[in-house]
């Protein structure tokens, strides 16, 4: 059983919803990434998504785009991200870390090296936004053989065929994008989300996390009524932007703790 699967099983036994939090590696400064990861765990995050900075992110709204630009301006690349995960693992072996990004950096170093470096660093899985499931059978199998989960996105527009493909090759959990748009945009229709998750669960046995547009405790709580996990990213990065680098770590821990408290209420 992967660490991600183990985490979901433990939370289910406690009747808790998983809180998955996202930051971009290297933002606002490379030296703050690992402290921010620990802060999110201290605040109550159960799984961490660590964004691999990329110049042309297709699914990201302006908030995460700015985070990528800040990280890239400081020279942060995929090998730096592996080093950050390895540093985090020195003092935390129990919180799953998922690398989230795009195909280009992986293709640049090669899929085999990406898997080897992920495993060596202590990552637990990856979300590659522009890797479609029908082209990922071999990659997913290689990831699974290395003890890593390949996690796929599902959208309000996903067909039954696509959902079935994700069910065949995906691991860890399935990430349901609640909006027809980019990260951080719009407001979630929780009734619509509930209906879509019911349809997805007819094909997908994995836990389902819901993200895009979750901005506060009330929204997180509403989504938690129907999902196995709540995913928050843009709002955390906004918090970092609002307070600045010096106060980022404490502000992020406080914000995440507020979401955790709302989920557990």
Protein backbone atom coordinates (compact mmCIF):
# COMPACT_ATOMS: atom_id res chain seq x y z
CA UNK A 1 0.00 0.00 0.00
CA UNK A 2 1.37 3.42 -0.99
CA UNK A 3 1.77 6.15 1.61
CA UNK A 4 -1.05 8.08 -0.08
CA UNK A 5 -3.39 5.08 0.11
CA UNK A 6 -2.34 4.47 3.71
CA UNK A 7 -3.08 8.10 4.60
CA UNK A 8 -6.57 7.95 3.10
CA UNK A 9 -7.28 4.66 4.88
CA UNK A 10 -6.22 6.09 8.24
CA UNK A 11 -8.35 9.22 7.75
CA UNK A 12 -11.36 7.16 6.70
CA UNK A 13 -11.02 5.13 9.89
CA UNK A 14 -11.10 8.40 11.84
CA UNK A 15 -14.06 9.66 9.78
CA UNK A 16 -11.97 12.62 8.59
CA UNK A 17 -11.64 14.33 5.23
CA UNK A 18 -8.13 14.67 3.84
CA UNK A 19 -6.74 18.18 3.49
CA UNK A 20 -4.39 18.50 0.51
CA UNK A 21 -2.45 21.74 0.26
CA UNK A 22 -0.40 23.18 -2.60
CA UNK A 23 2.51 25.56 -2.91
CA UNK A 24 4.90 26.20 -5.78
CA UNK A 25 8.45 25.06 -5.05
CA UNK A 26 10.78 28.05 -4.79
CA UNK A 27 8.09 30.64 -4.08
CA UNK A 28 8.48 33.13 -2.49
CA UNK A 29 12.10 32.00 -1.99
CA UNK A 30 13.80 28.60 -2.39
CA UNK A 31 14.90 28.67 1.24
CA UNK A 32 11.28 28.90 2.40
CA UNK A 33 9.85 25.91 0.53
CA UNK A 34 10.72 23.26 3.12
CA UNK A 35 9.68 25.47 6.09
CA UNK A 36 6.38 26.12 4.30
CA UNK A 37 5.88 22.37 3.77
CA UNK A 38 6.41 21.75 7.49
CA UNK A 39 4.09 24.67 8.33
CA UNK A 40 1.27 23.18 6.26
CA UNK A 41 1.67 19.85 8.06
CA UNK A 42 1.70 21.63 11.43
CA UNK A 43 -1.52 23.38 10.39
CA UNK A 44 -3.21 20.06 9.68
CA UNK A 45 -2.51 19.22 6.03
CA UNK A 46 -2.52 15.48 5.33
CA UNK A 47 -0.99 15.44 1.84
CA UNK A 48 1.26 18.05 0.24
CA UNK A 49 1.26 19.02 -3.42
CA UNK A 50 4.51 20.65 -4.47
CA UNK A 51 4.31 22.51 -7.75
CA UNK A 52 7.20 22.15 -10.20
CA UNK A 53 7.72 25.66 -11.64
CA UNK A 54 6.90 25.84 -15.35
CA UNK A 55 6.83 28.78 -17.74
CA UNK A 56 3.56 27.94 -19.53
CA UNK A 57 1.10 26.35 -17.10
CA UNK A 58 -2.17 25.73 -18.90
CA UNK A 59 -4.42 24.96 -15.92
CA UNK A 60 -3.17 27.62 -13.54
CA UNK A 61 -4.83 30.95 -12.82
CA UNK A 62 -2.90 34.20 -12.35
CA UNK A 63 -2.01 33.51 -8.70
CA UNK A 64 -0.13 30.27 -9.38
CA UNK A 65 1.26 31.69 -12.63
CA UNK A 66 2.88 34.47 -10.61
CA UNK A 67 4.26 31.92 -8.16
CA UNK A 68 5.82 29.99 -11.05
CA UNK A 69 7.33 33.18 -12.45
CA UNK A 70 8.84 34.11 -9.09
CA UNK A 71 10.33 30.63 -8.67
CA UNK A 72 11.70 30.51 -12.21
CA UNK A 73 13.24 33.97 -11.77
CA UNK A 74 15.22 32.48 -8.88
CA UNK A 75 16.42 29.60 -11.06
CA UNK A 76 14.33 26.85 -9.48
CA UNK A 77 14.05 23.75 -11.68
CA UNK A 78 12.92 20.18 -11.31
CA UNK A 79 16.20 18.95 -9.78
CA UNK A 80 15.88 21.64 -7.10
CA UNK A 81 12.37 20.35 -6.36
CA UNK A 82 13.73 16.84 -5.77
CA UNK A 83 16.31 18.32 -3.36
CA UNK A 84 13.54 20.13 -1.46
CA UNK A 85 11.55 16.92 -1.06
CA UNK A 86 14.66 15.11 0.17
CA UNK A 87 15.28 17.88 2.72
CA UNK A 88 11.67 17.68 3.92
CA UNK A 89 11.99 13.91 4.29
CA UNK A 90 14.88 14.26 6.74
CA UNK A 91 12.39 15.21 9.46
CA UNK A 92 9.03 14.05 8.07
CA UNK A 93 8.59 10.51 6.73
CA UNK A 94 4.82 10.22 7.21
CA UNK A 95 3.24 12.99 5.11
CA UNK A 96 2.77 12.10 1.42
CA UNK A 97 4.30 14.51 -1.10
CA UNK A 98 2.87 14.75 -4.62
CA UNK A 99 4.80 16.58 -7.34
CA UNK A 100 2.43 18.58 -9.54
CA UNK A 101 3.39 20.02 -12.89
CA UNK A 102 3.61 19.59 -16.61
CA UNK A 103 5.11 17.19 -19.11
CA UNK A 104 7.93 19.42 -20.37
CA UNK A 105 10.29 19.18 -17.36
CA UNK A 106 9.73 15.40 -17.20
CA UNK A 107 10.35 14.93 -20.91
CA UNK A 108 13.49 17.02 -20.60
CA UNK A 109 15.12 14.70 -18.05
CA UNK A 110 13.33 11.56 -19.23
CA UNK A 111 10.55 9.57 -17.60
CA UNK A 112 12.88 6.92 -16.16
CA UNK A 113 15.06 9.52 -14.47
CA UNK A 114 12.01 11.39 -13.19
CA UNK A 115 10.75 8.22 -11.53
CA UNK A 116 14.18 7.36 -10.11
CA UNK A 117 14.75 10.87 -8.73
CA UNK A 118 11.22 11.03 -7.29
CA UNK A 119 11.73 7.73 -5.51
CA UNK A 120 15.20 8.69 -4.27
CA UNK A 121 13.96 12.05 -2.92
CA UNK A 122 11.03 10.47 -1.11
CA UNK A 123 8.11 11.73 -3.21
CA UNK A 124 4.98 9.59 -3.25
CA UNK A 125 3.34 10.47 -6.54
CA UNK A 126 2.83 12.96 -9.32
CA UNK A 127 0.13 14.88 -11.11
CA UNK A 128 1.14 15.72 -14.68
CA UNK A 129 -1.58 17.98 -16.01
CA UNK A 130 -0.90 17.42 -19.71
CA UNK A 131 -0.31 13.64 -19.61
CA UNK A 132 -3.57 12.06 -20.84
CA UNK A 133 -4.37 8.65 -19.33
CA UNK A 134 -4.55 6.86 -22.67
CA UNK A 135 -0.87 7.70 -23.26
CA UNK A 136 0.26 6.85 -19.72
CA UNK A 137 -0.21 3.11 -19.37
CA UNK A 138 3.52 2.31 -19.41
CA UNK A 139 4.49 5.41 -17.39
CA UNK A 140 1.85 4.65 -14.76
CA UNK A 141 3.02 1.03 -14.51
CA UNK A 142 6.64 2.17 -14.07
CA UNK A 143 5.56 4.65 -11.40
CA UNK A 144 3.60 1.97 -9.58
CA UNK A 145 6.56 -0.42 -9.74
CA UNK A 146 8.63 2.26 -7.98
CA UNK A 147 6.00 2.69 -5.28
CA UNK A 148 4.72 5.96 -6.75
CA UNK A 149 1.14 6.96 -7.59
CA UNK A 150 0.25 8.70 -10.85
CA UNK A 151 -2.76 10.91 -10.14
CA UNK A 152 -5.09 12.20 -12.84
CA UNK A 153 -7.45 15.14 -13.13
CA UNK A 154 -11.12 14.76 -13.94
CA UNK A 155 -13.28 17.70 -14.98
CA UNK A 156 -16.98 18.59 -15.21
CA UNK A 157 -16.65 17.85 -18.94
CA UNK A 158 -14.96 14.44 -18.56
CA UNK A 159 -16.77 11.71 -20.50
CA UNK A 160 -17.54 8.26 -19.13
CA UNK A 161 -14.82 6.89 -21.39
CA UNK A 162 -12.22 9.27 -19.92
CA UNK A 163 -13.35 8.50 -16.36
CA UNK A 164 -12.97 4.77 -17.09
CA UNK A 165 -9.47 5.36 -18.50
CA UNK A 166 -8.46 7.23 -15.34
CA UNK A 167 -9.85 4.38 -13.26
CA UNK A 168 -7.59 1.93 -15.10
CA UNK A 169 -4.27 3.79 -14.90
CA UNK A 170 -4.60 6.20 -11.96
CA UNK A 171 -3.32 5.69 -8.44
CA UNK A 172 -3.44 7.36 -5.04
CA UNK A 173 -6.56 9.44 -5.58
CA UNK A 174 -8.44 11.12 -8.40
CA UNK A 175 -8.45 14.91 -8.51
CA UNK A 176 -11.80 16.37 -9.54
CA UNK A 177 -11.53 19.88 -10.96
CA UNK A 178 -14.73 21.51 -9.76
CA UNK A 179 -14.79 24.36 -12.30
CA UNK A 180 -14.63 24.83 -16.04
CA UNK A 181 -11.67 27.17 -15.74
CA UNK A 182 -8.31 27.67 -14.09
CA UNK A 183 -7.13 27.41 -10.50
CA UNK A 184 -8.48 30.02 -8.13
CA UNK A 185 -11.39 31.01 -10.35
CA UNK A 186 -15.10 31.20 -9.70
CA UNK A 187 -17.33 29.74 -7.01
CA UNK A 188 -18.06 26.07 -6.49
CA UNK A 189 -21.56 24.69 -7.01
CA UNK A 190 -21.47 21.97 -4.36
CA UNK A 191 -24.73 20.41 -5.57
CA UNK A 192 -23.24 19.97 -9.04
CA UNK A 193 -20.01 18.62 -7.53
CA UNK A 194 -21.98 16.04 -5.54
CA UNK A 195 -23.80 14.87 -8.66
CA UNK A 196 -20.58 14.57 -10.66
CA UNK A 197 -18.78 12.67 -7.90
CA UNK A 198 -21.65 10.19 -7.73
CA UNK A 199 -21.20 9.51 -11.45
CA UNK A 200 -17.41 9.29 -11.17
CA UNK A 201 -17.61 6.80 -8.30
CA UNK A 202 -19.45 4.37 -10.56
CA UNK A 203 -16.11 3.89 -12.33
CA UNK A 204 -13.40 5.08 -9.93
CA UNK A 205 -12.71 3.20 -6.70
CA UNK A 206 -9.94 5.58 -5.59
CA UNK A 207 -10.61 8.40 -3.10
CA UNK A 208 -11.64 11.61 -4.80
CA UNK A 209 -10.20 15.02 -3.97
CA UNK A 210 -11.90 18.21 -5.10
CA UNK A 211 -9.99 21.37 -5.93
CA UNK A 212 -10.10 24.66 -7.89
CA UNK A 213 -12.08 27.45 -6.22
CA UNK A 214 -11.96 26.37 -2.56
CA UNK A 215 -11.09 29.55 -0.72
CA UNK A 216 -12.30 29.35 2.87
CA UNK A 217 -13.45 27.10 5.67
CA UNK A 218 -17.11 27.24 4.70
CA UNK A 219 -16.46 26.12 1.12
CA UNK A 220 -14.05 23.44 2.30
CA UNK A 221 -16.61 22.13 4.78
CA UNK A 222 -19.33 22.00 2.11
CA UNK A 223 -17.06 20.10 -0.30
CA UNK A 224 -15.99 17.73 2.48
CA UNK A 225 -19.58 16.55 2.78
CA UNK A 226 -19.27 14.83 -0.61
CA UNK A 227 -15.51 14.39 -1.24
CA UNK A 228 -12.74 12.32 0.32
CA UNK A 229 -10.31 15.24 0.16
CA UNK A 230 -10.30 19.01 -0.18
CA UNK A 231 -7.50 20.58 -2.23
CA UNK A 232 -6.41 24.19 -1.67
CA UNK A 233 -3.65 25.98 -3.57
CA UNK A 234 -4.26 29.45 -4.95
CA UNK A 235 -5.66 30.75 -1.68
CA UNK A 236 -2.51 29.66 0.17
CA UNK A 237 -0.29 31.41 -2.36
CA UNK A 238 -2.46 34.52 -2.05
CA UNK A 239 -1.78 34.42 1.68
CA UNK A 240 1.96 34.33 0.96
CA UNK A 241 1.60 37.29 -1.40
CA UNK A 242 -0.45 39.23 1.14
CA UNK A 243 1.97 38.94 4.05
CA UNK A 244 5.33 38.75 2.28
CA UNK A 245 8.22 36.32 2.64
CA UNK A 246 9.11 37.20 6.24
CA UNK A 247 5.68 36.27 7.60
CA UNK A 248 4.79 33.60 5.03
CA UNK A 249 5.51 30.51 7.12
CA UNK A 250 3.46 31.52 10.16
CA UNK A 251 0.64 32.92 8.01
CA UNK A 252 0.35 29.72 5.99
CA UNK A 253 0.28 27.55 9.12
CA UNK A 254 -2.48 29.73 10.59
CA UNK A 255 -4.53 29.65 7.38
CA UNK A 256 -4.23 25.88 6.96
CA UNK A 257 -5.15 25.38 10.63
CA UNK A 258 -8.34 27.36 10.02
CA UNK A 259 -9.31 25.11 7.13
CA UNK A 260 -8.50 21.98 9.15
CA UNK A 261 -10.62 23.28 12.01
CA UNK A 262 -13.55 23.89 9.65
CA UNK A 263 -13.24 20.37 8.23
CA UNK A 264 -13.18 18.83 11.70
CA UNK A 265 -16.02 20.93 13.11
